[in-house]
Amino acid sequence: MAQWMEVGSLMEIPQLGGRYVDTPRGQIALLRNEADEVFAVENRCPHRGGPLAEGFVSGRLVFCPLHNWQIDLDKGEALPPDVGCVKTYPVRVEEGQVYLALTE
């Protein structure tokens, strides 16, 4: 069963960008796109560990700020020709508050 934790308001996550939260699972990037959808992934690019919370968000992708790798926010996978994966986490928004589920 998922353990949900409140991590702040939607307005604290910049649109087309992100911020990170420290959790028992490590740093998790909260990323918000132009449609106000919020995604949660580990805050570490699989390439060289770039902070994904500082990346640019477009649609359902985040672009790593170090070398522009594109990470699919639904699957956590790098887009070809790059190869690698980050862990994704369930997230929900209720009444303007963002909740993150820490899963095993």
PDB file of N, CA and C in Angstrom:
ATOM      1  N   MET A   1       0.842  -1.183   0.000  1.00  0.00           N
ATOM      2  CA  MET A   1       0.000   0.000   0.000  1.00  0.00           C
ATOM      3  C   MET A   1       0.891   1.251   0.000  1.00  0.00           C
ATOM      4  N   ALA A   2       0.493   2.241  -0.765  1.00  0.00           N
ATOM      5  CA  ALA A   2       1.268   3.482  -0.871  1.00  0.00           C
ATOM      6  C   ALA A   2       1.074   4.354   0.367  1.00  0.00           C
ATOM      7  N   GLN A   3       2.129   5.014   0.750  1.00  0.00           N
ATOM      8  CA  GLN A   3       2.083   5.979   1.847  1.00  0.00           C
ATOM      9  C   GLN A   3       2.115   7.370   1.216  1.00  0.00           C
ATOM     10  N   TRP A   4       0.981   8.090   1.286  1.00  0.00           N
ATOM     11  CA  TRP A   4       0.888   9.412   0.660  1.00  0.00           C
ATOM     12  C   TRP A   4       1.380  10.485   1.616  1.00  0.00           C
ATOM     13  N   MET A   5       2.160  11.427   1.088  1.00  0.00           N
ATOM     14  CA  MET A   5       2.621  12.556   1.903  1.00  0.00           C
ATOM     15  C   MET A   5       2.373  13.851   1.144  1.00  0.00           C
ATOM     16  N   GLU A   6       1.923  14.850   1.896  1.00  0.00           N
ATOM     17  CA  GLU A   6       1.703  16.174   1.302  1.00  0.00           C
ATOM     18  C   GLU A   6       3.055  16.843   1.125  1.00  0.00           C
ATOM     19  N   VAL A   7       3.298  17.375  -0.090  1.00  0.00           N
ATOM     20  CA  VAL A   7       4.610  17.960  -0.380  1.00  0.00           C
ATOM     21  C   VAL A   7       4.531  19.437  -0.785  1.00  0.00           C
ATOM     22  N   GLY A   8       3.380  20.057  -0.607  1.00  0.00           N
ATOM     23  CA  GLY A   8       3.265  21.487  -0.903  1.00  0.00           C
ATOM     24  C   GLY A   8       2.125  21.763  -1.860  1.00  0.00           C
ATOM     25  N   SER A   9       2.070  23.010  -2.307  1.00  0.00           N
ATOM     26  CA  SER A   9       0.986  23.416  -3.199  1.00  0.00           C
ATOM     27  C   SER A   9       1.443  23.361  -4.657  1.00  0.00           C
ATOM     28  N   LEU A  10       0.476  23.243  -5.548  1.00  0.00           N
ATOM     29  CA  LEU A  10       0.754  23.246  -6.974  1.00  0.00           C
ATOM     30  C   LEU A  10       1.513  24.512  -7.374  1.00  0.00           C
ATOM     31  N   MET A  11       1.148  25.640  -6.791  1.00  0.00           N
ATOM     32  CA  MET A  11       1.764  26.914  -7.157  1.00  0.00           C
ATOM     33  C   MET A  11       3.250  27.002  -6.748  1.00  0.00           C
ATOM     34  N   GLU A  12       3.704  26.117  -5.875  1.00  0.00           N
ATOM     35  CA  GLU A  12       5.116  26.102  -5.483  1.00  0.00           C
ATOM     36  C   GLU A  12       5.999  25.392  -6.507  1.00  0.00           C
ATOM     37  N   ILE A  13       5.360  24.730  -7.477  1.00  0.00           N
ATOM     38  CA  ILE A  13       6.106  24.057  -8.543  1.00  0.00           C
ATOM     39  C   ILE A  13       6.010  24.948  -9.779  1.00  0.00           C
ATOM     40  N   PRO A  14       7.141  25.473 -10.258  1.00  0.00           N
ATOM     41  CA  PRO A  14       7.056  26.353 -11.431  1.00  0.00           C
ATOM     42  C   PRO A  14       6.533  25.626 -12.664  1.00  0.00           C
ATOM     43  N   GLN A  15       5.642  26.284 -13.393  1.00  0.00           N
ATOM     44  CA  GLN A  15       5.131  25.690 -14.621  1.00  0.00           C
ATOM     45  C   GLN A  15       6.285  25.556 -15.610  1.00  0.00           C
ATOM     46  N   LEU A  16       6.362  24.412 -16.307  1.00  0.00           N
ATOM     47  CA  LEU A  16       7.430  24.052 -17.251  1.00  0.00           C
ATOM     48  C   LEU A  16       8.762  23.819 -16.544  1.00  0.00           C
ATOM     49  N   GLY A  17       8.706  23.584 -15.248  1.00  0.00           N
ATOM     50  CA  GLY A  17       9.918  23.333 -14.470  1.00  0.00           C
ATOM     51  C   GLY A  17       9.595  22.453 -13.282  1.00  0.00           C
ATOM     52  N   GLY A  18      10.404  22.594 -12.265  1.00  0.00           N
ATOM     53  CA  GLY A  18      10.186  21.745 -11.111  1.00  0.00           C
ATOM     54  C   GLY A  18      10.874  22.236  -9.854  1.00  0.00           C
ATOM     55  N   ARG A  19      10.742  21.430  -8.835  1.00  0.00           N
ATOM     56  CA  ARG A  19      11.435  21.611  -7.566  1.00  0.00           C
ATOM     57  C   ARG A  19      11.629  20.222  -6.994  1.00  0.00           C
ATOM     58  N   TYR A  20      12.448  20.108  -5.977  1.00  0.00           N
ATOM     59  CA  TYR A  20      12.619  18.777  -5.396  1.00  0.00           C
ATOM     60  C   TYR A  20      12.214  18.779  -3.943  1.00  0.00           C
ATOM     61  N   VAL A  21      11.917  17.583  -3.448  1.00  0.00           N
ATOM     62  CA  VAL A  21      11.623  17.384  -2.035  1.00  0.00           C
ATOM     63  C   VAL A  21      12.532  16.266  -1.534  1.00  0.00           C
ATOM     64  N   ASP A  22      12.966  16.403  -0.286  1.00  0.00           N
ATOM     65  CA  ASP A  22      13.741  15.352   0.357  1.00  0.00           C
ATOM     66  C   ASP A  22      12.771  14.383   1.002  1.00  0.00           C
ATOM     67  N   THR A  23      12.949  13.098   0.753  1.00  0.00           N
ATOM     68  CA  THR A  23      12.067  12.072   1.293  1.00  0.00           C
ATOM     69  C   THR A  23      12.919  10.930   1.847  1.00  0.00           C
ATOM     70  N   PRO A  24      12.306   9.992   2.544  1.00  0.00           N
ATOM     71  CA  PRO A  24      13.060   8.806   2.981  1.00  0.00           C
ATOM     72  C   PRO A  24      13.636   8.011   1.813  1.00  0.00           C
ATOM     73  N   ARG A  25      13.130   8.219   0.597  1.00  0.00           N
ATOM     74  CA  ARG A  25      13.644   7.536  -0.606  1.00  0.00           C
ATOM     75  C   ARG A  25      14.699   8.376  -1.325  1.00  0.00           C
ATOM     76  N   GLY A  26      15.079   9.512  -0.752  1.00  0.00           N
ATOM     77  CA  GLY A  26      16.029  10.418  -1.407  1.00  0.00           C
ATOM     78  C   GLY A  26      15.308  11.595  -2.027  1.00  0.00           C
ATOM     79  N   GLN A  27      16.038  12.363  -2.826  1.00  0.00           N
ATOM     80  CA  GLN A  27      15.441  13.533  -3.470  1.00  0.00           C
ATOM     81  C   GLN A  27      14.542  13.096  -4.610  1.00  0.00           C
ATOM     82  N   ILE A  28      13.330  13.664  -4.617  1.00  0.00           N
ATOM     83  CA  ILE A  28      12.375  13.395  -5.677  1.00  0.00           C
ATOM     84  C   ILE A  28      12.010  14.720  -6.334  1.00  0.00           C
ATOM     85  N   ALA A  29      12.109  14.740  -7.678  1.00  0.00           N
ATOM     86  CA  ALA A  29      11.757  15.933  -8.443  1.00  0.00           C
ATOM     87  C   ALA A  29      10.257  15.947  -8.689  1.00  0.00           C
ATOM     88  N   LEU A  30       9.620  17.080  -8.406  1.00  0.00           N
ATOM     89  CA  LEU A  30       8.220  17.317  -8.742  1.00  0.00           C
ATOM     90  C   LEU A  30       8.230  18.251  -9.941  1.00  0.00           C
ATOM     91  N   LEU A  31       7.651  17.817 -11.047  1.00  0.00           N
ATOM     92  CA  LEU A  31       7.725  18.542 -12.305  1.00  0.00           C
ATOM     93  C   LEU A  31       6.325  18.858 -12.801  1.00  0.00           C
ATOM     94  N   ARG A  32       6.141  20.074 -13.320  1.00  0.00           N
ATOM     95  CA  ARG A  32       4.806  20.545 -13.733  1.00  0.00           C
ATOM     96  C   ARG A  32       4.846  21.001 -15.182  1.00  0.00           C
ATOM     97  N   ASN A  33       3.922  20.486 -15.979  1.00  0.00           N
ATOM     98  CA  ASN A  33       3.901  20.893 -17.385  1.00  0.00           C
ATOM     99  C   ASN A  33       2.902  22.022 -17.636  1.00  0.00           C
ATOM    100  N   GLU A  34       2.748  22.366 -18.917  1.00  0.00           N
ATOM    101  CA  GLU A  34       1.891  23.495 -19.294  1.00  0.00           C
ATOM    102  C   GLU A  34       0.419  23.231 -19.020  1.00  0.00           C
ATOM    103  N   ALA A  35       0.024  21.966 -18.864  1.00  0.00           N
ATOM    104  CA  ALA A  35      -1.368  21.612 -18.561  1.00  0.00           C
ATOM    105  C   ALA A  35      -1.589  21.454 -17.056  1.00  0.00           C
ATOM    106  N   ASP A  36      -0.607  21.855 -16.257  1.00  0.00           N
ATOM    107  CA  ASP A  36      -0.635  21.735 -14.790  1.00  0.00           C
ATOM    108  C   ASP A  36      -0.672  20.286 -14.314  1.00  0.00           C
ATOM    109  N   GLU A  37      -0.213  19.346 -15.166  1.00  0.00           N
ATOM    110  CA  GLU A  37      -0.033  17.973 -14.719  1.00  0.00           C
ATOM    111  C   GLU A  37       1.267  17.924 -13.921  1.00  0.00           C
ATOM    112  N   VAL A  38       1.270  17.148 -12.852  1.00  0.00           N
ATOM    113  CA  VAL A  38       2.455  17.038 -12.009  1.00  0.00           C
ATOM    114  C   VAL A  38       2.974  15.604 -12.069  1.00  0.00           C
ATOM    115  N   PHE A  39       4.292  15.485 -12.174  1.00  0.00           N
ATOM    116  CA  PHE A  39       4.963  14.193 -12.248  1.00  0.00           C
ATOM    117  C   PHE A  39       6.028  14.149 -11.162  1.00  0.00           C
ATOM    118  N   ALA A  40       6.347  12.953 -10.709  1.00  0.00           N
ATOM    119  CA  ALA A  40       7.378  12.790  -9.685  1.00  0.00           C
ATOM    120  C   ALA A  40       8.354  11.702 -10.135  1.00  0.00           C
ATOM    121  N   VAL A  41       9.634  12.062 -10.172  1.00  0.00           N
ATOM    122  CA  VAL A  41      10.698  11.124 -10.540  1.00  0.00           C
ATOM    123  C   VAL A  41      11.890  11.359  -9.622  1.00  0.00           C
ATOM    124  N   GLU A  42      12.754  10.341  -9.530  1.00  0.00           N
ATOM    125  CA  GLU A  42      13.960  10.566  -8.735  1.00  0.00           C
ATOM    126  C   GLU A  42      14.726  11.733  -9.363  1.00  0.00           C
ATOM    127  N   ASN A  43      15.342  12.547  -8.526  1.00  0.00           N
ATOM    128  CA  ASN A  43      15.975  13.792  -8.979  1.00  0.00           C
ATOM    129  C   ASN A  43      17.409  13.545  -9.439  1.00  0.00           C
ATOM    130  N   ARG A  44      17.571  12.591 -10.354  1.00  0.00           N
ATOM    131  CA  ARG A  44      18.921  12.257 -10.799  1.00  0.00           C
ATOM    132  C   ARG A  44      18.847  11.666 -12.197  1.00  0.00           C
ATOM    133  N   CYS A  45      19.370  12.380 -13.180  1.00  0.00           N
ATOM    134  CA  CYS A  45      19.398  11.880 -14.552  1.00  0.00           C
ATOM    135  C   CYS A  45      20.259  10.614 -14.612  1.00  0.00           C
ATOM    136  N   PRO A  46      19.833   9.604 -15.384  1.00  0.00           N
ATOM    137  CA  PRO A  46      20.613   8.370 -15.468  1.00  0.00           C
ATOM    138  C   PRO A  46      21.954   8.541 -16.191  1.00  0.00           C
ATOM    139  N   HIS A  47      22.158   9.656 -16.865  1.00  0.00           N
ATOM    140  CA  HIS A  47      23.389   9.878 -17.619  1.00  0.00           C
ATOM    141  C   HIS A  47      24.539  10.251 -16.706  1.00  0.00           C
ATOM    142  N   ARG A  48      24.471  11.437 -16.119  1.00  0.00           N
ATOM    143  CA  ARG A  48      25.552  11.913 -15.253  1.00  0.00           C
ATOM    144  C   ARG A  48      25.035  12.486 -13.934  1.00  0.00           C
ATOM    145  N   GLY A  49      23.814  12.104 -13.570  1.00  0.00           N
ATOM    146  CA  GLY A  49      23.274  12.520 -12.281  1.00  0.00           C
ATOM    147  C   GLY A  49      22.753  13.937 -12.226  1.00  0.00           C
ATOM    148  N   GLY A  50      22.476  14.538 -13.375  1.00  0.00           N
ATOM    149  CA  GLY A  50      21.967  15.909 -13.398  1.00  0.00           C
ATOM    150  C   GLY A  50      20.674  16.045 -12.608  1.00  0.00           C
ATOM    151  N   PRO A  51      20.469  17.208 -11.965  1.00  0.00           N
ATOM    152  CA  PRO A  51      19.262  17.438 -11.153  1.00  0.00           C
ATOM    153  C   PRO A  51      18.041  17.707 -12.035  1.00  0.00           C
ATOM    154  N   LEU A  52      17.199  16.708 -12.207  1.00  0.00           N
ATOM    155  CA  LEU A  52      16.050  16.840 -13.101  1.00  0.00           C
ATOM    156  C   LEU A  52      15.078  17.928 -12.657  1.00  0.00           C
ATOM    157  N   ALA A  53      15.053  18.245 -11.364  1.00  0.00           N
ATOM    158  CA  ALA A  53      14.168  19.317 -10.872  1.00  0.00           C
ATOM    159  C   ALA A  53      14.547  20.669 -11.478  1.00  0.00           C
ATOM    160  N   GLU A  54      15.759  20.788 -12.004  1.00  0.00           N
ATOM    161  CA  GLU A  54      16.204  22.034 -12.634  1.00  0.00           C
ATOM    162  C   GLU A  54      16.035  21.996 -14.149  1.00  0.00           C
ATOM    163  N   GLY A  55      15.448  20.910 -14.663  1.00  0.00           N
ATOM    164  CA  GLY A  55      15.276  20.768 -16.100  1.00  0.00           C
ATOM    165  C   GLY A  55      14.058  21.499 -16.623  1.00  0.00           C
ATOM    166  N   PHE A  56      13.939  21.518 -17.954  1.00  0.00           N
ATOM    167  CA  PHE A  56      12.803  22.135 -18.641  1.00  0.00           C
ATOM    168  C   PHE A  56      11.771  21.054 -18.931  1.00  0.00           C
ATOM    169  N   VAL A  57      10.505  21.341 -18.634  1.00  0.00           N
ATOM    170  CA  VAL A  57       9.425  20.388 -18.862  1.00  0.00           C
ATOM    171  C   VAL A  57       8.623  20.819 -20.083  1.00  0.00           C
ATOM    172  N   SER A  58       8.374  19.861 -20.969  1.00  0.00           N
ATOM    173  CA  SER A  58       7.540  20.104 -22.140  1.00  0.00           C
ATOM    174  C   SER A  58       6.674  18.876 -22.349  1.00  0.00           C
ATOM    175  N   GLY A  59       5.367  19.061 -22.291  1.00  0.00           N
ATOM    176  CA  GLY A  59       4.466  17.926 -22.429  1.00  0.00           C
ATOM    177  C   GLY A  59       4.703  16.929 -21.308  1.00  0.00           C
ATOM    178  N   ARG A  60       5.074  15.716 -21.676  1.00  0.00           N
ATOM    179  CA  ARG A  60       5.313  14.662 -20.688  1.00  0.00           C
ATOM    180  C   ARG A  60       6.788  14.266 -20.677  1.00  0.00           C
ATOM    181  N   LEU A  61       7.652  15.264 -20.958  1.00  0.00           N
ATOM    182  CA  LEU A  61       9.105  15.056 -20.960  1.00  0.00           C
ATOM    183  C   LEU A  61       9.778  16.080 -20.075  1.00  0.00           C
ATOM    184  N   VAL A  62      10.907  15.680 -19.490  1.00  0.00           N
ATOM    185  CA  VAL A  62      11.787  16.643 -18.837  1.00  0.00           C
ATOM    186  C   VAL A  62      13.138  16.542 -19.542  1.00  0.00           C
ATOM    187  N   PHE A  63      13.755  17.702 -19.771  1.00  0.00           N
ATOM    188  CA  PHE A  63      15.063  17.780 -20.409  1.00  0.00           C
ATOM    189  C   PHE A  63      16.096  18.025 -19.312  1.00  0.00           C
ATOM    190  N   CYS A  64      17.055  17.113 -19.183  1.00  0.00           N
ATOM    191  CA  CYS A  64      18.080  17.261 -18.156  1.00  0.00           C
ATOM    192  C   CYS A  64      18.859  18.552 -18.388  1.00  0.00           C
ATOM    193  N   PRO A  65      19.119  19.335 -17.318  1.00  0.00           N
ATOM    194  CA  PRO A  65      19.818  20.609 -17.487  1.00  0.00           C
ATOM    195  C   PRO A  65      21.301  20.452 -17.848  1.00  0.00           C
ATOM    196  N   LEU A  66      21.886  19.285 -17.651  1.00  0.00           N
ATOM    197  CA  LEU A  66      23.322  19.134 -17.937  1.00  0.00           C
ATOM    198  C   LEU A  66      23.602  18.828 -19.405  1.00  0.00           C
ATOM    199  N   HIS A  67      22.961  17.815 -19.965  1.00  0.00           N
ATOM    200  CA  HIS A  67      23.280  17.391 -21.329  1.00  0.00           C
ATOM    201  C   HIS A  67      22.052  17.207 -22.206  1.00  0.00           C
ATOM    202  N   ASN A  68      20.909  17.745 -21.760  1.00  0.00           N
ATOM    203  CA  ASN A  68      19.679  17.784 -22.554  1.00  0.00           C
ATOM    204  C   ASN A  68      19.075  16.415 -22.850  1.00  0.00           C
ATOM    205  N   TRP A  69      19.406  15.410 -22.048  1.00  0.00           N
ATOM    206  CA  TRP A  69      18.728  14.121 -22.211  1.00  0.00           C
ATOM    207  C   TRP A  69      17.240  14.331 -21.981  1.00  0.00           C
ATOM    208  N   GLN A  70      16.409  13.625 -22.737  1.00  0.00           N
ATOM    209  CA  GLN A  70      14.962  13.713 -22.579  1.00  0.00           C
ATOM    210  C   GLN A  70      14.471  12.478 -21.831  1.00  0.00           C
ATOM    211  N   ILE A  71      13.742  12.703 -20.740  1.00  0.00           N
ATOM    212  CA  ILE A  71      13.213  11.624 -19.916  1.00  0.00           C
ATOM    213  C   ILE A  71      11.690  11.638 -20.002  1.00  0.00           C
ATOM    214  N   ASP A  72      11.108  10.493 -20.344  1.00  0.00           N
ATOM    215  CA  ASP A  72       9.657  10.325 -20.396  1.00  0.00           C
ATOM    216  C   ASP A  72       9.145  10.305 -18.951  1.00  0.00           C
ATOM    217  N   LEU A  73       8.259  11.229 -18.616  1.00  0.00           N
ATOM    218  CA  LEU A  73       7.800  11.368 -17.232  1.00  0.00           C
ATOM    219  C   LEU A  73       6.799  10.294 -16.817  1.00  0.00           C
ATOM    220  N   ASP A  74       6.195   9.606 -17.771  1.00  0.00           N
ATOM    221  CA  ASP A  74       5.282   8.519 -17.430  1.00  0.00           C
ATOM    222  C   ASP A  74       6.047   7.235 -17.104  1.00  0.00           C
ATOM    223  N   LYS A  75       7.051   6.929 -17.909  1.00  0.00           N
ATOM    224  CA  LYS A  75       7.787   5.670 -17.763  1.00  0.00           C
ATOM    225  C   LYS A  75       9.125   5.816 -17.043  1.00  0.00           C
ATOM    226  N   GLY A  76       9.674   7.043 -17.026  1.00  0.00           N
ATOM    227  CA  GLY A  76      10.982   7.251 -16.421  1.00  0.00           C
ATOM    228  C   GLY A  76      12.134   6.888 -17.338  1.00  0.00           C
ATOM    229  N   GLU A  77      11.843   6.565 -18.588  1.00  0.00           N
ATOM    230  CA  GLU A  77      12.875   6.111 -19.517  1.00  0.00           C
ATOM    231  C   GLU A  77      13.427   7.258 -20.353  1.00  0.00           C
ATOM    232  N   ALA A  78      14.750   7.201 -20.612  1.00  0.00           N
ATOM    233  CA  ALA A  78      15.379   8.150 -21.521  1.00  0.00           C
ATOM    234  C   ALA A  78      14.928   7.833 -22.945  1.00  0.00           C
ATOM    235  N   LEU A  79      14.727   8.879 -23.748  1.00  0.00           N
ATOM    236  CA  LEU A  79      14.337   8.671 -25.136  1.00  0.00           C
ATOM    237  C   LEU A  79      15.567   8.328 -25.968  1.00  0.00           C
ATOM    238  N   PRO A  80      15.407   7.432 -26.961  1.00  0.00           N
ATOM    239  CA  PRO A  80      16.516   7.064 -27.838  1.00  0.00           C
ATOM    240  C   PRO A  80      17.074   8.295 -28.552  1.00  0.00           C
ATOM    241  N   PRO A  81      18.355   8.313 -28.841  1.00  0.00           N
ATOM    242  CA  PRO A  81      19.279   7.186 -28.771  1.00  0.00           C
ATOM    243  C   PRO A  81      19.836   6.941 -27.368  1.00  0.00           C
ATOM    244  N   ASP A  82      19.453   7.772 -26.398  1.00  0.00           N
ATOM    245  CA  ASP A  82      19.975   7.614 -25.038  1.00  0.00           C
ATOM    246  C   ASP A  82      19.298   6.435 -24.352  1.00  0.00           C
ATOM    247  N   VAL A  83      19.996   5.860 -23.390  1.00  0.00           N
ATOM    248  CA  VAL A  83      19.489   4.686 -22.687  1.00  0.00           C
ATOM    249  C   VAL A  83      19.662   4.901 -21.185  1.00  0.00           C
ATOM    250  N   GLY A  84      18.616   4.638 -20.428  1.00  0.00           N
ATOM    251  CA  GLY A  84      18.666   4.771 -18.975  1.00  0.00           C
ATOM    252  C   GLY A  84      17.269   4.981 -18.446  1.00  0.00           C
ATOM    253  N   CYS A  85      17.145   4.933 -17.132  1.00  0.00           N
ATOM    254  CA  CYS A  85      15.821   5.019 -16.530  1.00  0.00           C
ATOM    255  C   CYS A  85      15.915   5.647 -15.138  1.00  0.00           C
ATOM    256  N   VAL A  86      14.874   6.373 -14.756  1.00  0.00           N
ATOM    257  CA  VAL A  86      14.741   6.893 -13.396  1.00  0.00           C
ATOM    258  C   VAL A  86      13.459   6.317 -12.810  1.00  0.00           C
ATOM    259  N   LYS A  87      13.420   6.223 -11.504  1.00  0.00           N
ATOM    260  CA  LYS A  87      12.224   5.728 -10.816  1.00  0.00           C
ATOM    261  C   LYS A  87      11.149   6.814 -10.845  1.00  0.00           C
ATOM    262  N   THR A  88       9.916   6.399 -11.113  1.00  0.00           N
ATOM    263  CA  THR A  88       8.777   7.315 -11.086  1.00  0.00           C
ATOM    264  C   THR A  88       7.950   7.028  -9.838  1.00  0.00           C
ATOM    265  N   TYR A  89       7.217   8.026  -9.385  1.00  0.00           N
ATOM    266  CA  TYR A  89       6.384   7.897  -8.193  1.00  0.00           C
ATOM    267  C   TYR A  89       4.988   8.424  -8.489  1.00  0.00           C
ATOM    268  N   PRO A  90       3.955   7.793  -7.907  1.00  0.00           N
ATOM    269  CA  PRO A  90       2.593   8.305  -8.069  1.00  0.00           C
ATOM    270  C   PRO A  90       2.454   9.674  -7.397  1.00  0.00           C
ATOM    271  N   VAL A  91       1.725  10.549  -8.054  1.00  0.00           N
ATOM    272  CA  VAL A  91       1.479  11.882  -7.513  1.00  0.00           C
ATOM    273  C   VAL A  91       0.036  12.251  -7.828  1.00  0.00           C
ATOM    274  N   ARG A  92      -0.572  13.031  -6.942  1.00  0.00           N
ATOM    275  CA  ARG A  92      -1.933  13.511  -7.195  1.00  0.00           C
ATOM    276  C   ARG A  92      -2.045  14.937  -6.667  1.00  0.00           C
ATOM    277  N   VAL A  93      -2.997  15.683  -7.242  1.00  0.00           N
ATOM    278  CA  VAL A  93      -3.265  17.053  -6.817  1.00  0.00           C
ATOM    279  C   VAL A  93      -4.721  17.105  -6.382  1.00  0.00           C
ATOM    280  N   GLU A  94      -4.931  17.569  -5.159  1.00  0.00           N
ATOM    281  CA  GLU A  94      -6.284  17.722  -4.628  1.00  0.00           C
ATOM    282  C   GLU A  94      -6.417  19.105  -4.011  1.00  0.00           C
ATOM    283  N   GLU A  95      -7.370  19.865  -4.518  1.00  0.00           N
ATOM    284  CA  GLU A  95      -7.637  21.214  -4.004  1.00  0.00           C
ATOM    285  C   GLU A  95      -6.363  22.053  -3.927  1.00  0.00           C
ATOM    286  N   GLY A  96      -5.538  21.940  -4.960  1.00  0.00           N
ATOM    287  CA  GLY A  96      -4.323  22.750  -5.051  1.00  0.00           C
ATOM    288  C   GLY A  96      -3.135  22.228  -4.260  1.00  0.00           C
ATOM    289  N   GLN A  97      -3.298  21.139  -3.532  1.00  0.00           N
ATOM    290  CA  GLN A  97      -2.197  20.549  -2.757  1.00  0.00           C
ATOM    291  C   GLN A  97      -1.676  19.319  -3.501  1.00  0.00           C
ATOM    292  N   VAL A  98      -0.359  19.129  -3.453  1.00  0.00           N
ATOM    293  CA  VAL A  98       0.290  18.022  -4.150  1.00  0.00           C
ATOM    294  C   VAL A  98       0.643  16.935  -3.135  1.00  0.00           C
ATOM    295  N   TYR A  99       0.307  15.697  -3.488  1.00  0.00           N
ATOM    296  CA  TYR A  99       0.579  14.536  -2.650  1.00  0.00           C
ATOM    297  C   TYR A  99       1.435  13.547  -3.435  1.00  0.00           C
ATOM    298  N   LEU A 100       2.410  12.987  -2.766  1.00  0.00           N
ATOM    299  CA  LEU A 100       3.352  12.056  -3.351  1.00  0.00           C
ATOM    300  C   LEU A 100       3.228  10.729  -2.639  1.00  0.00           C
ATOM    301  N   ALA A 101       3.216   9.635  -3.407  1.00  0.00           N
ATOM    302  CA  ALA A 101       3.169   8.304  -2.814  1.00  0.00           C
ATOM    303  C   ALA A 101       4.567   7.693  -2.854  1.00  0.00           C
ATOM    304  N   LEU A 102       5.051   7.317  -1.704  1.00  0.00           N
ATOM    305  CA  LEU A 102       6.352   6.651  -1.619  1.00  0.00           C
ATOM    306  C   LEU A 102       6.105   5.161  -1.711  1.00  0.00           C
ATOM    307  N   THR A 103       6.546   4.566  -2.785  1.00  0.00           N
ATOM    308  CA  THR A 103       6.329   3.150  -3.022  1.00  0.00           C
ATOM    309  C   THR A 103       7.636   2.399  -2.865  1.00  0.00           C
ATOM    310  N   GLU A 104       7.517   1.112  -2.697  1.00  0.00           N
ATOM    311  CA  GLU A 104       8.712   0.258  -2.585  1.00  0.00           C
ATOM    312  C   GLU A 104       9.381   0.123  -3.934  1.00  0.00           C
TER     313      GLU A 104
END
